Each structure stands twice: as structure tokens, then as C-alpha cells.
C-alpha atoms as a PDB file:
ATOM      1  CA  MET A   1     -29.103  13.961 -20.575  1.00  0.00           C
ATOM      2  CA  GLU A   2     -26.236  15.344 -22.606  1.00  0.00           C
ATOM      3  CA  ILE A   3     -22.571  14.321 -22.466  1.00  0.00           C
ATOM      4  CA  PRO A   4     -20.021  15.928 -24.812  1.00  0.00           C
ATOM      5  CA  GLU A   5     -19.615  13.826 -27.961  1.00  0.00           C
ATOM      6  CA  THR A   6     -15.928  13.137 -27.383  1.00  0.00           C
ATOM      7  CA  THR A   7     -16.781  11.805 -23.942  1.00  0.00           C
ATOM      8  CA  LEU A   8     -19.548   9.597 -25.331  1.00  0.00           C
ATOM      9  CA  THR A   9     -17.018   7.969 -27.659  1.00  0.00           C
ATOM     10  CA  GLU A  10     -14.673   7.248 -24.771  1.00  0.00           C
ATOM     11  CA  VAL A  11     -17.533   5.898 -22.649  1.00  0.00           C
ATOM     12  CA  ARG A  12     -18.753   3.582 -25.408  1.00  0.00           C
ATOM     13  CA  ASN A  13     -15.270   2.109 -25.625  1.00  0.00           C
ATOM     14  CA  GLY A  14     -15.148   1.621 -21.860  1.00  0.00           C
ATOM     15  CA  HIS A  15     -17.430   0.088 -19.304  1.00  0.00           C
ATOM     16  CA  PHE A  16     -19.618   2.924 -18.087  1.00  0.00           C
ATOM     17  CA  ASP A  17     -23.363   2.296 -18.052  1.00  0.00           C
ATOM     18  CA  LEU A  18     -24.962   5.404 -19.560  1.00  0.00           C
ATOM     19  CA  GLU A  19     -28.326   4.439 -18.070  1.00  0.00           C
ATOM     20  CA  LYS A  20     -27.036   5.388 -14.623  1.00  0.00           C
ATOM     21  CA  ALA A  21     -25.303   8.645 -15.655  1.00  0.00           C
ATOM     22  CA  TYR A  22     -25.881  11.816 -13.647  1.00  0.00           C
ATOM     23  CA  VAL A  23     -27.132  14.967 -15.318  1.00  0.00           C
ATOM     24  CA  ALA A  24     -24.152  16.622 -17.030  1.00  0.00           C
ATOM     25  CA  GLN A  25     -22.087  19.102 -15.036  1.00  0.00           C
ATOM     26  CA  GLU A  26     -22.920  22.706 -15.892  1.00  0.00           C
ATOM     27  CA  GLU A  27     -20.786  24.496 -18.459  1.00  0.00           C
ATOM     28  CA  GLU A  28     -17.898  26.742 -17.474  1.00  0.00           C
ATOM     29  CA  GLY A  29     -19.153  30.009 -16.047  1.00  0.00           C
ATOM     30  CA  LYS A  30     -22.299  28.453 -14.595  1.00  0.00           C
ATOM     31  CA  ALA A  31     -22.691  27.290 -10.998  1.00  0.00           C
ATOM     32  CA  PHE A  32     -22.400  23.552 -10.519  1.00  0.00           C
ATOM     33  CA  PHE A  33     -22.646  23.529  -6.723  1.00  0.00           C
ATOM     34  CA  ASP A  34     -23.528  25.795  -3.774  1.00  0.00           C
ATOM     35  CA  ASP A  35     -26.561  27.244  -5.540  1.00  0.00           C
ATOM     36  CA  GLY A  36     -29.238  25.688  -3.355  1.00  0.00           C
ATOM     37  CA  ARG A  37     -29.133  22.214  -4.895  1.00  0.00           C
ATOM     38  CA  GLU A  38     -27.605  20.720  -1.760  1.00  0.00           C
ATOM     39  CA  ILE A  39     -30.578  21.807   0.381  1.00  0.00           C
ATOM     40  CA  ASP A  40     -32.916  20.790  -2.435  1.00  0.00           C
ATOM     41  CA  LEU A  41     -31.336  17.326  -2.229  1.00  0.00           C
ATOM     42  CA  LEU A  42     -32.282  17.096   1.455  1.00  0.00           C
ATOM     43  CA  HIS A  43     -35.906  17.903   0.662  1.00  0.00           C
ATOM     44  CA  PHE A  44     -35.848  15.365  -2.175  1.00  0.00           C
ATOM     45  CA  VAL A  45     -34.537  12.568   0.059  1.00  0.00           C
ATOM     46  CA  TYR A  46     -36.726  13.300   3.085  1.00  0.00           C
ATOM     47  CA  GLY A  47     -39.759  13.768   0.845  1.00  0.00           C
ATOM     48  CA  HIS A  48     -39.103  10.566  -1.083  1.00  0.00           C
ATOM     49  CA  PRO A  49     -42.076   8.169  -1.354  1.00  0.00           C
ATOM     50  CA  SER A  50     -39.820   5.410   0.019  1.00  0.00           C
ATOM     51  CA  ILE A  51     -38.544   7.375   3.030  1.00  0.00           C
ATOM     52  CA  SER A  52     -39.753   4.698   5.448  1.00  0.00           C
ATOM     53  CA  VAL A  53     -37.425   2.084   3.924  1.00  0.00           C
ATOM     54  CA  ILE A  54     -34.650   4.594   3.206  1.00  0.00           C
ATOM     55  CA  ARG A  55     -34.381   5.434   6.915  1.00  0.00           C
ATOM     56  CA  GLY A  56     -31.625   3.423   8.604  1.00  0.00           C
ATOM     57  CA  SER A  57     -30.164   2.113   5.345  1.00  0.00           C
ATOM     58  CA  PRO A  58     -26.919   3.665   4.004  1.00  0.00           C
ATOM     59  CA  SER A  59     -27.341   1.940   0.639  1.00  0.00           C
ATOM     60  CA  ARG A  60     -30.879   3.270   0.167  1.00  0.00           C
ATOM     61  CA  VAL A  61     -29.852   6.797   1.130  1.00  0.00           C
ATOM     62  CA  LEU A  62     -27.114   6.540  -1.497  1.00  0.00           C
ATOM     63  CA  GLN A  63     -29.658   5.331  -4.049  1.00  0.00           C
ATOM     64  CA  ALA A  64     -31.834   8.361  -3.296  1.00  0.00           C
ATOM     65  CA  ILE A  65     -28.860  10.719  -3.740  1.00  0.00           C
ATOM     66  CA  ASP A  66     -28.035   9.021  -7.048  1.00  0.00           C
ATOM     67  CA  GLU A  67     -31.654   9.351  -8.138  1.00  0.00           C
ATOM     68  CA  TYR A  68     -31.480  13.116  -7.554  1.00  0.00           C
ATOM     69  CA  GLY A  69     -28.207  13.359  -9.492  1.00  0.00           C
ATOM     70  CA  ARG A  70     -29.674  11.416 -12.402  1.00  0.00           C
ATOM     71  CA  THR A  71     -33.042  13.159 -12.615  1.00  0.00           C
ATOM     72  CA  LYS A  72     -32.651  16.639 -11.101  1.00  0.00           C
ATOM     73  CA  LYS A  73     -29.251  18.342 -10.959  1.00  0.00           C
ATOM     74  CA  TYR A  74     -25.597  17.384 -11.128  1.00  0.00           C
ATOM     75  CA  LEU A  75     -23.915  16.607  -7.805  1.00  0.00           C
ATOM     76  CA  MET A  76     -20.122  16.507  -7.453  1.00  0.00           C
ATOM     77  CA  ASN A  77     -20.127  13.083  -5.767  1.00  0.00           C
ATOM     78  CA  VAL A  78     -17.509  10.360  -6.140  1.00  0.00           C
ATOM     79  CA  GLY A  79     -20.223   8.087  -7.595  1.00  0.00           C
ATOM     80  CA  ASP A  80     -20.480   4.326  -7.493  1.00  0.00           C
ATOM     81  CA  ASP A  81     -17.818   3.547 -10.147  1.00  0.00           C
ATOM     82  CA  LYS A  82     -14.967   5.342  -8.409  1.00  0.00           C
ATOM     83  CA  GLY A  83     -16.573   4.552  -5.086  1.00  0.00           C
ATOM     84  CA  LYS A  84     -16.147   0.829  -5.779  1.00  0.00           C
ATOM     85  CA  ILE A  85     -12.382   1.361  -6.123  1.00  0.00           C
ATOM     86  CA  VAL A  86     -12.258   2.818  -2.626  1.00  0.00           C
ATOM     87  CA  THR A  87     -14.638   0.330  -0.990  1.00  0.00           C
ATOM     88  CA  ASP A  88     -12.500  -2.508  -2.423  1.00  0.00           C
ATOM     89  CA  LEU A  89      -9.481  -0.759  -0.906  1.00  0.00           C
ATOM     90  CA  ILE A  90     -11.268  -0.513   2.451  1.00  0.00           C
ATOM     91  CA  GLU A  91     -12.003  -4.240   2.340  1.00  0.00           C
ATOM     92  CA  GLU A  92      -8.302  -4.896   1.669  1.00  0.00           C
ATOM     93  CA  VAL A  93      -6.771  -2.419   4.144  1.00  0.00           C
ATOM     94  CA  LYS A  94      -9.415  -2.755   6.872  1.00  0.00           C
ATOM     95  CA  PRO A  95      -8.607   0.668   8.331  1.00  0.00           C
ATOM     96  CA  LYS A  96      -9.319   1.361  11.965  1.00  0.00           C
ATOM     97  CA  THR A  97      -9.383   5.106  11.283  1.00  0.00           C
ATOM     98  CA  MET A  98     -10.298   6.638   7.929  1.00  0.00           C
ATOM     99  CA  VAL A  99     -10.326  10.346   7.134  1.00  0.00           C
ATOM    100  CA  GLU A 100     -11.889  12.103   4.170  1.00  0.00           C
ATOM    101  CA  LEU A 101     -10.987  15.637   3.156  1.00  0.00           C
ATOM    102  CA  GLY A 102     -14.043  17.201   1.539  1.00  0.00           C
ATOM    103  CA  GLY A 103     -17.425  15.736   2.409  1.00  0.00           C
ATOM    104  CA  TYR A 104     -19.794  17.803   0.207  1.00  0.00           C
ATOM    105  CA  VAL A 105     -23.280  16.228   0.712  1.00  0.00           C
ATOM    106  CA  GLY A 106     -22.095  13.061   2.408  1.00  0.00           C
ATOM    107  CA  TYR A 107     -22.051  10.542  -0.432  1.00  0.00           C
ATOM    108  CA  SER A 108     -18.525   9.351   0.342  1.00  0.00           C
ATOM    109  CA  ALA A 109     -19.106   9.505   4.110  1.00  0.00           C
ATOM    110  CA  LEU A 110     -22.101   7.196   3.720  1.00  0.00           C
ATOM    111  CA  LEU A 111     -20.456   4.809   1.276  1.00  0.00           C
ATOM    112  CA  PHE A 112     -17.005   4.620   2.853  1.00  0.00           C
ATOM    113  CA  GLY A 113     -18.088   5.082   6.456  1.00  0.00           C
ATOM    114  CA  ASN A 114     -20.439   2.126   6.166  1.00  0.00           C
ATOM    115  CA  ALA A 115     -17.705   0.046   4.507  1.00  0.00           C
ATOM    116  CA  VAL A 116     -15.184   0.905   7.244  1.00  0.00           C
ATOM    117  CA  ARG A 117     -17.724  -0.067   9.907  1.00  0.00           C
ATOM    118  CA  GLN A 118     -18.485  -3.360   8.168  1.00  0.00           C
ATOM    119  CA  ASN A 119     -14.754  -4.136   8.013  1.00  0.00           C
ATOM    120  CA  GLY A 120     -14.123  -3.683  11.716  1.00  0.00           C
ATOM    121  CA  GLY A 121     -13.082  -0.018  11.779  1.00  0.00           C
ATOM    122  CA  THR A 122     -13.546   2.258  14.760  1.00  0.00           C
ATOM    123  CA  ARG A 123     -14.035   5.776  13.332  1.00  0.00           C
ATOM    124  CA  TYR A 124     -14.644   7.696  10.114  1.00  0.00           C
ATOM    125  CA  PHE A 125     -13.890  11.425  10.039  1.00  0.00           C
ATOM    126  CA  SER A 126     -15.489  13.608   7.354  1.00  0.00           C
ATOM    127  CA  LEU A 127     -13.804  17.032   7.148  1.00  0.00           C
ATOM    128  CA  GLU A 128     -15.895  19.684   5.388  1.00  0.00           C
ATOM    129  CA  ARG A 129     -15.188  23.429   5.488  1.00  0.00           C
ATOM    130  CA  ASN A 130     -18.640  24.637   4.370  1.00  0.00           C
ATOM    131  CA  PRO A 131     -20.997  24.552   7.391  1.00  0.00           C
ATOM    132  CA  GLU A 132     -24.078  24.227   5.176  1.00  0.00           C
ATOM    133  CA  PHE A 133     -22.659  21.205   3.380  1.00  0.00           C
ATOM    134  CA  ALA A 134     -21.591  19.769   6.738  1.00  0.00           C
ATOM    135  CA  ALA A 135     -25.186  20.130   7.974  1.00  0.00           C
ATOM    136  CA  VAL A 136     -26.398  18.206   4.924  1.00  0.00           C
ATOM    137  CA  ILE A 137     -23.842  15.471   5.634  1.00  0.00           C
ATOM    138  CA  MET A 138     -24.915  15.220   9.281  1.00  0.00           C
ATOM    139  CA  SER A 139     -28.582  15.006   8.334  1.00  0.00           C
ATOM    140  CA  LEU A 140     -28.061  12.232   5.777  1.00  0.00           C
ATOM    141  CA  VAL A 141     -25.609  10.360   8.011  1.00  0.00           C
ATOM    142  CA  ASP A 142     -28.229  10.422  10.765  1.00  0.00           C
ATOM    143  CA  LEU A 143     -30.927   9.261   8.336  1.00  0.00           C
ATOM    144  CA  ALA A 144     -28.711   6.332   7.337  1.00  0.00           C
ATOM    145  CA  GLY A 145     -28.082   5.319  10.948  1.00  0.00           C
ATOM    146  CA  LEU A 146     -24.353   6.090  10.884  1.00  0.00           C
ATOM    147  CA  SER A 147     -24.173   9.064  13.259  1.00  0.00           C
ATOM    148  CA  ASP A 148     -22.519   6.962  15.974  1.00  0.00           C
ATOM    149  CA  PHE A 149     -19.678   6.060  13.592  1.00  0.00           C
ATOM    150  CA  VAL A 150     -19.183   8.946  11.149  1.00  0.00           C
ATOM    151  CA  LYS A 151     -17.904  12.156  12.759  1.00  0.00           C
ATOM    152  CA  VAL A 152     -18.336  15.338  10.708  1.00  0.00           C
ATOM    153  CA  ILE A 153     -15.732  18.033  11.392  1.00  0.00           C
ATOM    154  CA  VAL A 154     -16.537  21.583  10.220  1.00  0.00           C
ATOM    155  CA  GLY A 155     -13.799  23.988   9.176  1.00  0.00           C
ATOM    156  CA  PRO A 156     -10.808  24.364   6.842  1.00  0.00           C
ATOM    157  CA  SER A 157      -9.086  21.006   6.387  1.00  0.00           C
ATOM    158  CA  ALA A 158      -5.650  22.027   7.665  1.00  0.00           C
ATOM    159  CA  ASP A 159      -7.111  23.661  10.789  1.00  0.00           C
ATOM    160  CA  SER A 160      -9.276  20.613  11.475  1.00  0.00           C
ATOM    161  CA  ILE A 161      -6.383  18.182  11.035  1.00  0.00           C
ATOM    162  CA  GLU A 162      -4.196  20.176  13.415  1.00  0.00           C
ATOM    163  CA  ARG A 163      -6.986  20.490  15.987  1.00  0.00           C
ATOM    164  CA  LEU A 164      -7.887  16.786  15.929  1.00  0.00           C
ATOM    165  CA  HIS A 165      -4.214  15.907  16.324  1.00  0.00           C
ATOM    166  CA  SER A 166      -3.566  18.374  19.158  1.00  0.00           C
ATOM    167  CA  GLU A 167      -6.635  17.100  21.025  1.00  0.00           C
ATOM    168  CA  GLY A 168      -5.391  13.529  20.724  1.00  0.00           C
ATOM    169  CA  THR A 169      -8.528  12.572  18.804  1.00  0.00           C
ATOM    170  CA  LEU A 170      -6.565  11.696  15.662  1.00  0.00           C
ATOM    171  CA  GLU A 171      -3.250   9.927  16.194  1.00  0.00           C
ATOM    172  CA  HIS A 172      -2.830   7.934  12.977  1.00  0.00           C
ATOM    173  CA  ILE A 173      -4.540   7.733   9.593  1.00  0.00           C
ATOM    174  CA  ASP A 174      -4.843   4.262   8.120  1.00  0.00           C
ATOM    175  CA  LEU A 175      -6.694   5.387   4.991  1.00  0.00           C
ATOM    176  CA  MET A 176      -7.305   8.898   3.707  1.00  0.00           C
ATOM    177  CA  PHE A 177      -9.616   9.967   0.878  1.00  0.00           C
ATOM    178  CA  LEU A 178      -8.764  13.321  -0.715  1.00  0.00           C
ATOM    179  CA  ASP A 179     -11.607  15.050  -2.529  1.00  0.00           C
ATOM    180  CA  HIS A 180     -11.551  18.699  -1.455  1.00  0.00           C
ATOM    181  CA  TYR A 181      -9.892  21.863  -2.799  1.00  0.00           C
ATOM    182  CA  LYS A 182      -7.514  20.440  -5.400  1.00  0.00           C
ATOM    183  CA  PRO A 183      -4.434  22.634  -4.705  1.00  0.00           C
ATOM    184  CA  ALA A 184      -4.705  21.644  -1.011  1.00  0.00           C
ATOM    185  CA  TYR A 185      -4.154  17.923  -1.664  1.00  0.00           C
ATOM    186  CA  THR A 186      -0.368  18.258  -1.458  1.00  0.00           C
ATOM    187  CA  THR A 187      -0.170  20.720   1.428  1.00  0.00           C
ATOM    188  CA  ASP A 188      -2.651  18.740   3.536  1.00  0.00           C
ATOM    189  CA  LEU A 189      -0.797  15.488   2.845  1.00  0.00           C
ATOM    190  CA  LYS A 190       2.449  17.170   3.897  1.00  0.00           C
ATOM    191  CA  LEU A 191       0.764  18.425   7.067  1.00  0.00           C
ATOM    192  CA  CYS A 192      -0.356  14.891   7.924  1.00  0.00           C
ATOM    193  CA  GLU A 193       3.191  13.658   7.295  1.00  0.00           C
ATOM    194  CA  GLN A 194       4.681  16.384   9.459  1.00  0.00           C
ATOM    195  CA  LEU A 195       2.318  15.538  12.341  1.00  0.00           C
ATOM    196  CA  GLY A 196       3.155  11.835  12.087  1.00  0.00           C
ATOM    197  CA  LEU A 197      -0.391  10.918  11.050  1.00  0.00           C
ATOM    198  CA  ILE A 198       0.878   9.280   7.856  1.00  0.00           C
ATOM    199  CA  SER A 199       3.445   6.536   8.304  1.00  0.00           C
ATOM    200  CA  THR A 200       4.371   3.098   7.005  1.00  0.00           C
ATOM    201  CA  GLY A 201       1.160   1.256   6.170  1.00  0.00           C
ATOM    202  CA  SER A 202      -0.941   4.362   5.569  1.00  0.00           C
ATOM    203  CA  VAL A 203      -2.853   4.412   2.282  1.00  0.00           C
ATOM    204  CA  LEU A 204      -4.133   7.423   0.319  1.00  0.00           C
ATOM    205  CA  ALA A 205      -6.909   7.528  -2.286  1.00  0.00           C
ATOM    206  CA  ALA A 206      -7.043  10.803  -4.249  1.00  0.00           C
ATOM    207  CA  ASP A 207     -10.066  11.601  -6.422  1.00  0.00           C
ATOM    208  CA  ASN A 208     -10.216  13.755  -9.581  1.00  0.00           C
ATOM    209  CA  VAL A 209      -6.606  13.247 -10.639  1.00  0.00           C
ATOM    210  CA  ILE A 210      -7.732  13.135 -14.293  1.00  0.00           C
ATOM    211  CA  LYS A 211     -10.777  15.450 -14.162  1.00  0.00           C
ATOM    212  CA  PRO A 212      -9.903  18.190 -13.450  1.00  0.00           C
ATOM    213  CA  GLY A 213      -6.429  16.770 -12.749  1.00  0.00           C
ATOM    214  CA  ASN A 214      -3.884  17.422 -10.027  1.00  0.00           C
ATOM    215  CA  PRO A 215      -0.319  17.598 -11.449  1.00  0.00           C
ATOM    216  CA  PRO A 216       1.398  18.881  -8.250  1.00  0.00           C
ATOM    217  CA  TYR A 217      -0.084  16.084  -6.136  1.00  0.00           C
ATOM    218  CA  LEU A 218       0.769  13.367  -8.652  1.00  0.00           C
ATOM    219  CA  GLU A 219       4.310  14.679  -8.950  1.00  0.00           C
ATOM    220  CA  TYR A 220       4.719  14.587  -5.181  1.00  0.00           C
ATOM    221  CA  VAL A 221       3.347  11.100  -4.476  1.00  0.00           C
ATOM    222  CA  ARG A 222       5.156   9.635  -7.489  1.00  0.00           C
ATOM    223  CA  SER A 223       8.532  11.174  -6.572  1.00  0.00           C
ATOM    224  CA  SER A 224      11.310   9.162  -4.985  1.00  0.00           C
ATOM    225  CA  VAL A 225      12.613  10.062  -1.533  1.00  0.00           C
ATOM    226  CA  GLN A 226      15.716  11.511  -3.198  1.00  0.00           C
ATOM    227  CA  GLN A 227      13.606  13.709  -5.481  1.00  0.00           C
ATOM    228  CA  LYS A 228      11.545  14.962  -2.541  1.00  0.00           C
ATOM    229  CA  MET A 229      14.687  15.628  -0.509  1.00  0.00           C
ATOM    230  CA  LYS A 230      16.121  17.670  -3.364  1.00  0.00           C
ATOM    231  CA  ALA A 231      12.911  19.679  -3.660  1.00  0.00           C
ATOM    232  CA  ALA A 232      12.926  20.288   0.100  1.00  0.00           C
ATOM    233  CA  GLU A 233      16.518  21.496  -0.036  1.00  0.00           C
ATOM    234  CA  ASN A 234      15.577  23.984  -2.747  1.00  0.00           C
ATOM    235  CA  ASP A 235      13.002  25.381  -0.302  1.00  0.00           C
ATOM    236  CA  TYR A 236      10.516  26.186  -3.063  1.00  0.00           C
ATOM    237  CA  LYS A 237       8.242  29.105  -2.149  1.00  0.00           C
ATOM    238  CA  THR A 238       4.632  29.424  -3.258  1.00  0.00           C
ATOM    239  CA  ASN A 239       3.588  32.744  -1.687  1.00  0.00           C
ATOM    240  CA  GLY A 240       0.659  30.903  -0.099  1.00  0.00           C
ATOM    241  CA  THR A 241      -1.001  29.881  -3.378  1.00  0.00           C
ATOM    242  CA  GLU A 242       0.080  26.467  -4.636  1.00  0.00           C
ATOM    243  CA  THR A 243      -2.267  26.716  -7.603  1.00  0.00           C
ATOM    244  CA  ASN A 244       0.076  26.270 -10.565  1.00  0.00           C
ATOM    245  CA  GLY A 245      -1.259  23.628 -12.928  1.00  0.00           C
ATOM    246  CA  PHE A 246      -4.930  24.301 -12.170  1.00  0.00           C
ATOM    247  CA  ARG A 247      -7.469  26.074 -14.355  1.00  0.00           C
ATOM    248  CA  ASP A 248      -9.208  29.123 -12.891  1.00  0.00           C
ATOM    249  CA  ARG A 249     -12.465  27.179 -12.476  1.00  0.00           C
ATOM    250  CA  TRP A 250     -10.786  24.882  -9.973  1.00  0.00           C
ATOM    251  CA  LYS A 251      -8.299  27.122  -8.196  1.00  0.00           C
ATOM    252  CA  ASN A 252     -11.032  29.747  -7.680  1.00  0.00           C
ATOM    253  CA  GLN A 253     -13.752  27.176  -6.963  1.00  0.00           C
ATOM    254  CA  TYR A 254     -14.501  28.473  -3.463  1.00  0.00           C
ATOM    255  CA  LYS A 255     -13.314  32.069  -3.877  1.00  0.00           C
ATOM    256  CA  GLU A 256     -16.736  33.721  -3.939  1.00  0.00           C
ATOM    257  CA  ARG A 257     -17.855  32.006  -0.740  1.00  0.00           C
ATOM    258  CA  GLU A 258     -14.590  31.602   1.190  1.00  0.00           C
ATOM    259  CA  GLY A 259     -12.340  34.313  -0.261  1.00  0.00           C
ATOM    260  CA  GLU A 260      -8.816  33.916  -1.630  1.00  0.00           C
ATOM    261  CA  GLU A 261      -7.269  30.581  -0.694  1.00  0.00           C
ATOM    262  CA  LYS A 262      -3.997  30.840   1.214  1.00  0.00           C
ATOM    263  CA  LEU A 263      -2.103  27.583   1.548  1.00  0.00           C
ATOM    264  CA  SER A 264       0.774  27.245   3.959  1.00  0.00           C
ATOM    265  CA  THR A 265       4.296  27.850   2.707  1.00  0.00           C
ATOM    266  CA  VAL A 266       5.950  26.481   5.846  1.00  0.00           C
ATOM    267  CA  ILE A 267       4.661  22.893   5.855  1.00  0.00           C
ATOM    268  CA  LYS A 268       7.536  20.722   4.638  1.00  0.00           C
ATOM    269  CA  GLY A 269       6.045  17.291   5.299  1.00  0.00           C
ATOM    270  CA  ASN A 270       8.299  14.289   5.683  1.00  0.00           C
ATOM    271  CA  PRO A 271      10.210  13.690   2.443  1.00  0.00           C
ATOM    272  CA  HIS A 272      11.742  10.521   3.946  1.00  0.00           C
ATOM    273  CA  LEU A 273       8.473   8.631   3.523  1.00  0.00           C
ATOM    274  CA  ASN A 274       8.664   6.197   0.619  1.00  0.00           C
ATOM    275  CA  PHE A 275       5.515   5.968  -1.493  1.00  0.00           C
ATOM    276  CA  GLU A 276       4.318   3.509  -4.112  1.00  0.00           C
ATOM    277  CA  SER A 277       1.585   5.067  -6.228  1.00  0.00           C
ATOM    278  CA  ARG A 278      -0.609   4.000  -9.138  1.00  0.00           C
ATOM    279  CA  LEU A 279      -3.581   5.318 -11.065  1.00  0.00           C
ATOM    280  CA  VAL A 280      -6.827   3.361 -11.278  1.00  0.00           C
ATOM    281  CA  ASN A 281      -8.893   4.606 -14.210  1.00  0.00           C
ATOM    282  CA  SER A 282     -12.623   4.992 -13.792  1.00  0.00           C
ATOM    283  CA  TYR A 283     -15.499   7.411 -14.445  1.00  0.00           C
ATOM    284  CA  GLU A 284     -17.233  10.375 -12.922  1.00  0.00           C
ATOM    285  CA  PRO A 285     -20.926   9.660 -12.205  1.00  0.00           C
ATOM    286  CA  THR A 286     -21.705  11.652 -15.385  1.00  0.00           C
ATOM    287  CA  GLY A 287     -19.689   9.158 -17.454  1.00  0.00           C
ATOM    288  CA  VAL A 288     -16.692  11.455 -17.957  1.00  0.00           C
ATOM    289  CA  PRO A 289     -13.381   9.563 -17.586  1.00  0.00           C
ATOM    290  CA  ASP A 290     -11.530  10.144 -14.322  1.00  0.00           C
ATOM    291  CA  GLY A 291      -9.409   8.131 -11.928  1.00  0.00           C
ATOM    292  CA  ILE A 292      -8.309   7.485  -8.354  1.00  0.00           C
ATOM    293  CA  GLU A 293      -4.622   7.664  -7.433  1.00  0.00           C
ATOM    294  CA  ILE A 294      -3.849   4.974  -4.842  1.00  0.00           C
ATOM    295  CA  THR A 295      -0.704   5.689  -2.822  1.00  0.00           C
ATOM    296  CA  ARG A 296       0.826   3.449  -0.165  1.00  0.00           C
ATOM    297  CA  CYS A 297       3.476   4.458   2.348  1.00  0.00           C
ATOM    298  CA  VAL A 298       5.836   1.491   2.219  1.00  0.00           C
ATOM    299  CA  GLY A 299       8.650   2.655   4.466  1.00  0.00           C
ATOM    300  CA  VAL A 300      11.011   5.378   5.623  1.00  0.00           C
ATOM    301  CA  GLU A 301      14.382   6.135   4.046  1.00  0.00           C
ATOM    302  CA  SER A 302      17.139   8.061   5.768  1.00  0.00           C
ATOM    303  CA  SER A 303      18.733  11.075   4.137  1.00  0.00           C
ATOM    304  CA  THR A 304      21.854   9.005   3.429  1.00  0.00           C
ATOM    305  CA  ALA A 305      19.987   6.230   1.589  1.00  0.00           C
ATOM    306  CA  ARG A 306      20.771   5.880  -2.117  1.00  0.00           C
END
């Protein structure tokens, strides 16, 4: 398997085991997801020679997914390196309710859902807008024996969050994993703030903040309350496309399938929430350097606080 030479140098100086690397992500201009590989993965797992021992075991289902990613085609999973950062966080936080935005083929739902269950949690919500991907998640979650704990919600993330809240199904988020459409990280976080789902004690884990990067999100979660208040007063308008700072490959990632993304310009969030945020460096499953931004809501400041 090939990794760009500059990346190989960085990996050799780090702690990534190249023996477990996924097949390299396809070059720019070539499909790297939603080209049939997700359904092919299902056939690979269910046709695996070890299916009898895979059934009912989240860890073995994950191993089978990793095997496909290492021997067949690239999969845009969180992987076990970055995944360990989040499972350690789950063990620390012990969330009752965890939500993930962007489920893809269910790798994170399996890994984190199982960890939340083992740490005394009550529910794991996996929000995925693509109904085909959601069907893959449901199938693998069922195979792993987690269907009574992991709930897959199909539809755009903002619509799903609002619906779950209005139904009374989702009242508070203890831990949220963001791994969906990159420009939506900030608007969806603000929506959760505005609905009161994020409050003191809530923790956020945002993937891909180095590759491909997410400058608007990092700026927001690393800003002080005063900085966020000032930005809110300026009433910055985005015309429904908060995509500044993203390359075309990422801001148009779902355009062919879903059409032009339109993010809300009216969600203001709650700028009074005080965050403490830090980057934990790690690797993509291909060995490319990436990181998880861990953000904790540590309190609420009034508009008069200085």
C-alpha cells in the first residue's frame, strides 16, 4: 500500500504501526466513498470465513471492517488510533447519552456505542443523512449485538437533532462525536447549544481537525465568551454556506448525491457557554497525521462578565 513520502517520514517519527494501515485514500478527483464499497463491505463481513465468531461481538465486527480497509478499499473510518482517544474519554466521562454526527458504515457506532454501554450509559445515537449508509450501520450494529443500545437516526443532522429534541427523546448530550460534513460542525454545535442540549459538563470530540482541517470550528470552540459575544453582536452572515476555509473536495463532498449544502444563518447558539479545548494529535487509519479536538463546557458566563 502506498502513502505519500512526506507522510511516511512523519509516520516513522511518530508511533503509527504501518502494518495496520488502511489502503491509501484515493487521489483528488477520484471517488473515495459512496461508490459501492460500503455495500461491498457488508458482503465482505457477512461472507467472512469467521462469521460465526464475528456474530455478537462488536470487537470482531470492527476487526472485519479493518481487514476490509487494509486489504480491499479505503474506508473513511475514525480508526483505532483516534478511536482510542474517544474510548478513553468515554471511560473518563461515563456519558449516559452520547450522540455522533456522521455514522458512515458504523465503525464509530460500534466502537463508541459498545464503550458507552460498558461504562453504564443508557443510549447511543448515530445520526447519518445517507439512508444507504444508515442501512449498513444498522446491519452491522445488529450483527454485533448492539441494536438494543445504538439507535440509528436517518436524515440531515440539524433536522434530526431538532426532531429528537422536540419529541423529548434527546434532552441533554453528555458526549458528542462530530465526524460529518465539516462545515456543519459549527452550525450543528450552535444548534445543540441553542436547544439547551449542550451545557456545563458536556464534552465534544471533533474528528478531522487536521485532515482535512476545520478552521471555523476550531476558532469557535477556542474563543472566549467575550470573543463569541462580539462575533454574535456583529451578526455575521453566511448566505447559508459556511464553507470558508474548506477546499472544494470537502465543502462539495456530498454535492453530487445531496445537492448544494445550505447551512442555517439564523442559529446563534449560546455564546455564554465557556469552553476549554485542546487538540490530541493522532493518525488516520491510513497513517496520515490527524487529530481529535476535545472540548469541555466548563460553565456559563453572563454578558456582563469580564
